[in-house]
Amino acid sequence: MLPTLERRSTIRLFEELRGRGYDGAPDSVHRYVKSWRAARGPGSGAGVCAAAV
């Protein structure tokens, strides 16, 4: 499970995506964000924005 701060930010991202018509599950967004952050590497300061998804 992601740390609380990251869960909150992915929940906000999910809500933003849902408002734009996304009909997937919140867990799908969590998994995508986790893999996206891992691919960016540690210490990259990688934030997540709706444009990245």
PDB file of N, CA and C in Angstrom:
ATOM      1  N   MET A   1       0.846  -1.179   0.000  1.00  0.00           N
ATOM      2  CA  MET A   1       0.000   0.000   0.000  1.00  0.00           C
ATOM      3  C   MET A   1       0.894   1.246   0.000  1.00  0.00           C
ATOM      4  N   LEU A   2       0.457   2.257  -0.724  1.00  0.00           N
ATOM      5  CA  LEU A   2       1.205   3.501  -0.799  1.00  0.00           C
ATOM      6  C   LEU A   2       1.107   4.272   0.513  1.00  0.00           C
ATOM      7  N   PRO A   3       2.126   5.085   0.824  1.00  0.00           N
ATOM      8  CA  PRO A   3       2.023   5.953   1.997  1.00  0.00           C
ATOM      9  C   PRO A   3       0.801   6.869   1.874  1.00  0.00           C
ATOM     10  N   THR A   4       0.312   7.334   3.020  1.00  0.00           N
ATOM     11  CA  THR A   4      -0.920   8.122   3.066  1.00  0.00           C
ATOM     12  C   THR A   4      -0.880   9.318   2.129  1.00  0.00           C
ATOM     13  N   LEU A   5       0.198  10.085   2.127  1.00  0.00           N
ATOM     14  CA  LEU A   5       0.280  11.275   1.284  1.00  0.00           C
ATOM     15  C   LEU A   5       0.141  10.903  -0.186  1.00  0.00           C
ATOM     16  N   GLU A   6       0.795   9.833  -0.607  1.00  0.00           N
ATOM     17  CA  GLU A   6       0.706   9.413  -2.004  1.00  0.00           C
ATOM     18  C   GLU A   6      -0.681   8.889  -2.337  1.00  0.00           C
ATOM     19  N   ARG A   7      -1.305   8.172  -1.400  1.00  0.00           N
ATOM     20  CA  ARG A   7      -2.664   7.691  -1.645  1.00  0.00           C
ATOM     21  C   ARG A   7      -3.608   8.856  -1.851  1.00  0.00           C
ATOM     22  N   ARG A   8      -3.452   9.889  -1.050  1.00  0.00           N
ATOM     23  CA  ARG A   8      -4.319  11.045  -1.194  1.00  0.00           C
ATOM     24  C   ARG A   8      -4.125  11.706  -2.549  1.00  0.00           C
ATOM     25  N   SER A   9      -2.896  11.816  -3.001  1.00  0.00           N
ATOM     26  CA  SER A   9      -2.682  12.474  -4.276  1.00  0.00           C
ATOM     27  C   SER A   9      -3.197  11.619  -5.433  1.00  0.00           C
ATOM     28  N   THR A  10      -3.087  10.298  -5.328  1.00  0.00           N
ATOM     29  CA  THR A  10      -3.625   9.465  -6.399  1.00  0.00           C
ATOM     30  C   THR A  10      -5.147   9.448  -6.353  1.00  0.00           C
ATOM     31  N   ILE A  11      -5.722   9.595  -5.173  1.00  0.00           N
ATOM     32  CA  ILE A  11      -7.180   9.706  -5.084  1.00  0.00           C
ATOM     33  C   ILE A  11      -7.637  10.988  -5.763  1.00  0.00           C
ATOM     34  N   ARG A  12      -6.924  12.069  -5.527  1.00  0.00           N
ATOM     35  CA  ARG A  12      -7.272  13.333  -6.194  1.00  0.00           C
ATOM     36  C   ARG A  12      -7.128  13.198  -7.704  1.00  0.00           C
ATOM     37  N   LEU A  13      -6.078  12.518  -8.135  1.00  0.00           N
ATOM     38  CA  LEU A  13      -5.883  12.292  -9.562  1.00  0.00           C
ATOM     39  C   LEU A  13      -7.033  11.463 -10.125  1.00  0.00           C
ATOM     40  N   PHE A  14      -7.432  10.409  -9.411  1.00  0.00           N
ATOM     41  CA  PHE A  14      -8.553   9.584  -9.848  1.00  0.00           C
ATOM     42  C   PHE A  14      -9.818  10.420  -9.974  1.00  0.00           C
ATOM     43  N   GLU A  15     -10.071  11.277  -8.992  1.00  0.00           N
ATOM     44  CA  GLU A  15     -11.272  12.113  -9.044  1.00  0.00           C
ATOM     45  C   GLU A  15     -11.227  13.068 -10.236  1.00  0.00           C
ATOM     46  N   GLU A  16     -10.051  13.605 -10.528  1.00  0.00           N
ATOM     47  CA  GLU A  16      -9.885  14.480 -11.699  1.00  0.00           C
ATOM     48  C   GLU A  16     -10.160  13.693 -12.983  1.00  0.00           C
ATOM     49  N   LEU A  17      -9.602  12.502 -13.073  1.00  0.00           N
ATOM     50  CA  LEU A  17      -9.811  11.671 -14.262  1.00  0.00           C
ATOM     51  C   LEU A  17     -11.280  11.280 -14.414  1.00  0.00           C
ATOM     52  N   ARG A  18     -11.907  10.940 -13.298  1.00  0.00           N
ATOM     53  CA  ARG A  18     -13.323  10.571 -13.336  1.00  0.00           C
ATOM     54  C   ARG A  18     -14.167  11.740 -13.840  1.00  0.00           C
ATOM     55  N   GLY A  19     -13.805  12.948 -13.436  1.00  0.00           N
ATOM     56  CA  GLY A  19     -14.510  14.128 -13.912  1.00  0.00           C
ATOM     57  C   GLY A  19     -14.328  14.353 -15.409  1.00  0.00           C
ATOM     58  N   ARG A  20     -13.264  13.771 -15.960  1.00  0.00           N
ATOM     59  CA  ARG A  20     -13.002  13.899 -17.397  1.00  0.00           C
ATOM     60  C   ARG A  20     -13.500  12.700 -18.188  1.00  0.00           C
ATOM     61  N   GLY A  21     -14.258  11.814 -17.497  1.00  0.00           N
ATOM     62  CA  GLY A  21     -14.861  10.696 -18.217  1.00  0.00           C
ATOM     63  C   GLY A  21     -14.202   9.346 -18.027  1.00  0.00           C
ATOM     64  N   TYR A  22     -13.168   9.256 -17.198  1.00  0.00           N
ATOM     65  CA  TYR A  22     -12.515   7.974 -16.939  1.00  0.00           C
ATOM     66  C   TYR A  22     -13.465   7.065 -16.182  1.00  0.00           C
ATOM     67  N   ASP A  23     -13.634   5.822 -16.653  1.00  0.00           N
ATOM     68  CA  ASP A  23     -14.560   4.913 -15.974  1.00  0.00           C
ATOM     69  C   ASP A  23     -13.851   3.709 -15.373  1.00  0.00           C
ATOM     70  N   GLY A  24     -12.537   3.791 -15.224  1.00  0.00           N
ATOM     71  CA  GLY A  24     -11.775   2.706 -14.612  1.00  0.00           C
ATOM     72  C   GLY A  24     -11.837   2.748 -13.099  1.00  0.00           C
ATOM     73  N   ALA A  25     -11.165   1.799 -12.477  1.00  0.00           N
ATOM     74  CA  ALA A  25     -11.164   1.677 -11.025  1.00  0.00           C
ATOM     75  C   ALA A  25     -10.055   2.520 -10.398  1.00  0.00           C
ATOM     76  N   PRO A  26     -10.256   2.969  -9.159  1.00  0.00           N
ATOM     77  CA  PRO A  26      -9.214   3.723  -8.464  1.00  0.00           C
ATOM     78  C   PRO A  26      -7.921   2.919  -8.339  1.00  0.00           C
ATOM     79  N   ASP A  27      -8.049   1.609  -8.141  1.00  0.00           N
ATOM     80  CA  ASP A  27      -6.865   0.773  -7.996  1.00  0.00           C
ATOM     81  C   ASP A  27      -6.008   0.791  -9.261  1.00  0.00           C
ATOM     82  N   SER A  28      -6.635   0.887 -10.409  1.00  0.00           N
ATOM     83  CA  SER A  28      -5.892   0.963 -11.669  1.00  0.00           C
ATOM     84  C   SER A  28      -5.031   2.218 -11.711  1.00  0.00           C
ATOM     85  N   VAL A  29      -5.576   3.318 -11.216  1.00  0.00           N
ATOM     86  CA  VAL A  29      -4.823   4.577 -11.176  1.00  0.00           C
ATOM     87  C   VAL A  29      -3.660   4.439 -10.200  1.00  0.00           C
ATOM     88  N   HIS A  30      -3.895   3.825  -9.027  1.00  0.00           N
ATOM     89  CA  HIS A  30      -2.833   3.629  -8.046  1.00  0.00           C
ATOM     90  C   HIS A  30      -1.683   2.808  -8.629  1.00  0.00           C
ATOM     91  N   ARG A  31      -2.029   1.716  -9.308  1.00  0.00           N
ATOM     92  CA  ARG A  31      -0.990   0.861  -9.889  1.00  0.00           C
ATOM     93  C   ARG A  31      -0.216   1.600 -10.972  1.00  0.00           C
ATOM     94  N   TYR A  32      -0.919   2.344 -11.811  1.00  0.00           N
ATOM     95  CA  TYR A  32      -0.254   3.092 -12.872  1.00  0.00           C
ATOM     96  C   TYR A  32       0.709   4.122 -12.289  1.00  0.00           C
ATOM     97  N   VAL A  33       0.249   4.870 -11.289  1.00  0.00           N
ATOM     98  CA  VAL A  33       1.093   5.901 -10.680  1.00  0.00           C
ATOM     99  C   VAL A  33       2.316   5.273 -10.038  1.00  0.00           C
ATOM    100  N   LYS A  34       2.136   4.147  -9.369  1.00  0.00           N
ATOM    101  CA  LYS A  34       3.256   3.465  -8.727  1.00  0.00           C
ATOM    102  C   LYS A  34       4.300   3.047  -9.758  1.00  0.00           C
ATOM    103  N   SER A  35       3.863   2.465 -10.867  1.00  0.00           N
ATOM    104  CA  SER A  35       4.814   2.034 -11.895  1.00  0.00           C
ATOM    105  C   SER A  35       5.442   3.234 -12.599  1.00  0.00           C
ATOM    106  N   TRP A  36       4.665   4.295 -12.792  1.00  0.00           N
ATOM    107  CA  TRP A  36       5.174   5.494 -13.438  1.00  0.00           C
ATOM    108  C   TRP A  36       6.267   6.143 -12.590  1.00  0.00           C
ATOM    109  N   ARG A  37       6.022   6.218 -11.279  1.00  0.00           N
ATOM    110  CA  ARG A  37       7.022   6.795 -10.383  1.00  0.00           C
ATOM    111  C   ARG A  37       8.274   5.940 -10.331  1.00  0.00           C
ATOM    112  N   ALA A  38       8.113   4.622 -10.324  1.00  0.00           N
ATOM    113  CA  ALA A  38       9.261   3.715 -10.295  1.00  0.00           C
ATOM    114  C   ALA A  38      10.099   3.876 -11.565  1.00  0.00           C
ATOM    115  N   ALA A  39       9.451   4.061 -12.692  1.00  0.00           N
ATOM    116  CA  ALA A  39      10.160   4.221 -13.963  1.00  0.00           C
ATOM    117  C   ALA A  39      10.937   5.537 -14.013  1.00  0.00           C
ATOM    118  N   ARG A  40      10.436   6.557 -13.328  1.00  0.00           N
ATOM    119  CA  ARG A  40      11.108   7.860 -13.293  1.00  0.00           C
ATOM    120  C   ARG A  40      12.355   7.822 -12.437  1.00  0.00           C
ATOM    121  N   GLY A  41      12.417   6.888 -11.507  1.00  0.00           N
ATOM    122  CA  GLY A  41      13.582   6.744 -10.649  1.00  0.00           C
ATOM    123  C   GLY A  41      13.459   7.543  -9.371  1.00  0.00           C
ATOM    124  N   PRO A  42      14.200   7.117  -8.341  1.00  0.00           N
ATOM    125  CA  PRO A  42      14.145   7.803  -7.054  1.00  0.00           C
ATOM    126  C   PRO A  42      14.796   9.177  -7.124  1.00  0.00           C
ATOM    127  N   GLY A  43      14.243  10.098  -6.365  1.00  0.00           N
ATOM    128  CA  GLY A  43      14.845  11.428  -6.278  1.00  0.00           C
ATOM    129  C   GLY A  43      14.609  12.302  -7.483  1.00  0.00           C
ATOM    130  N   SER A  44      13.750  11.878  -8.395  1.00  0.00           N
ATOM    131  CA  SER A  44      13.518  12.688  -9.589  1.00  0.00           C
ATOM    132  C   SER A  44      12.532  13.814  -9.317  1.00  0.00           C
ATOM    133  N   GLY A  45      11.894  13.774  -8.131  1.00  0.00           N
ATOM    134  CA  GLY A  45      10.899  14.786  -7.812  1.00  0.00           C
ATOM    135  C   GLY A  45       9.681  14.660  -8.700  1.00  0.00           C
ATOM    136  N   ALA A  46       9.439  13.447  -9.146  1.00  0.00           N
ATOM    137  CA  ALA A  46       8.357  13.211 -10.098  1.00  0.00           C
ATOM    138  C   ALA A  46       6.988  13.381  -9.450  1.00  0.00           C
ATOM    139  N   GLY A  47       6.290  14.393  -9.860  1.00  0.00           N
ATOM    140  CA  GLY A  47       4.913  14.560  -9.439  1.00  0.00           C
ATOM    141  C   GLY A  47       4.020  13.975 -10.505  1.00  0.00           C
ATOM    142  N   VAL A  48       2.785  13.787 -10.188  1.00  0.00           N
ATOM    143  CA  VAL A  48       1.846  13.242 -11.143  1.00  0.00           C
ATOM    144  C   VAL A  48       0.847  14.308 -11.506  1.00  0.00           C
ATOM    145  N   CYS A  49       0.632  14.480 -12.786  1.00  0.00           N
ATOM    146  CA  CYS A  49      -0.395  15.419 -13.211  1.00  0.00           C
ATOM    147  C   CYS A  49      -1.358  14.687 -14.135  1.00  0.00           C
ATOM    148  N   ALA A  50      -2.518  15.225 -14.292  1.00  0.00           N
ATOM    149  CA  ALA A  50      -3.536  14.567 -15.120  1.00  0.00           C
ATOM    150  C   ALA A  50      -3.066  14.414 -16.560  1.00  0.00           C
ATOM    151  N   ALA A  51      -2.208  15.303 -17.027  1.00  0.00           N
ATOM    152  CA  ALA A  51      -1.722  15.214 -18.408  1.00  0.00           C
ATOM    153  C   ALA A  51      -0.830  14.003 -18.616  1.00  0.00           C
ATOM    154  N   ALA A  52      -0.238  13.486 -17.534  1.00  0.00           N
ATOM    155  CA  ALA A  52       0.674  12.352 -17.656  1.00  0.00           C
ATOM    156  C   ALA A  52      -0.068  11.039 -17.800  1.00  0.00           C
ATOM    157  N   VAL A  53      -1.347  11.040 -17.505  1.00  0.00           N
ATOM    158  CA  VAL A  53      -2.099   9.783 -17.533  1.00  0.00           C
ATOM    159  C   VAL A  53      -2.958   9.706 -18.761  1.00  0.00           C
TER     160      VAL A  53
END
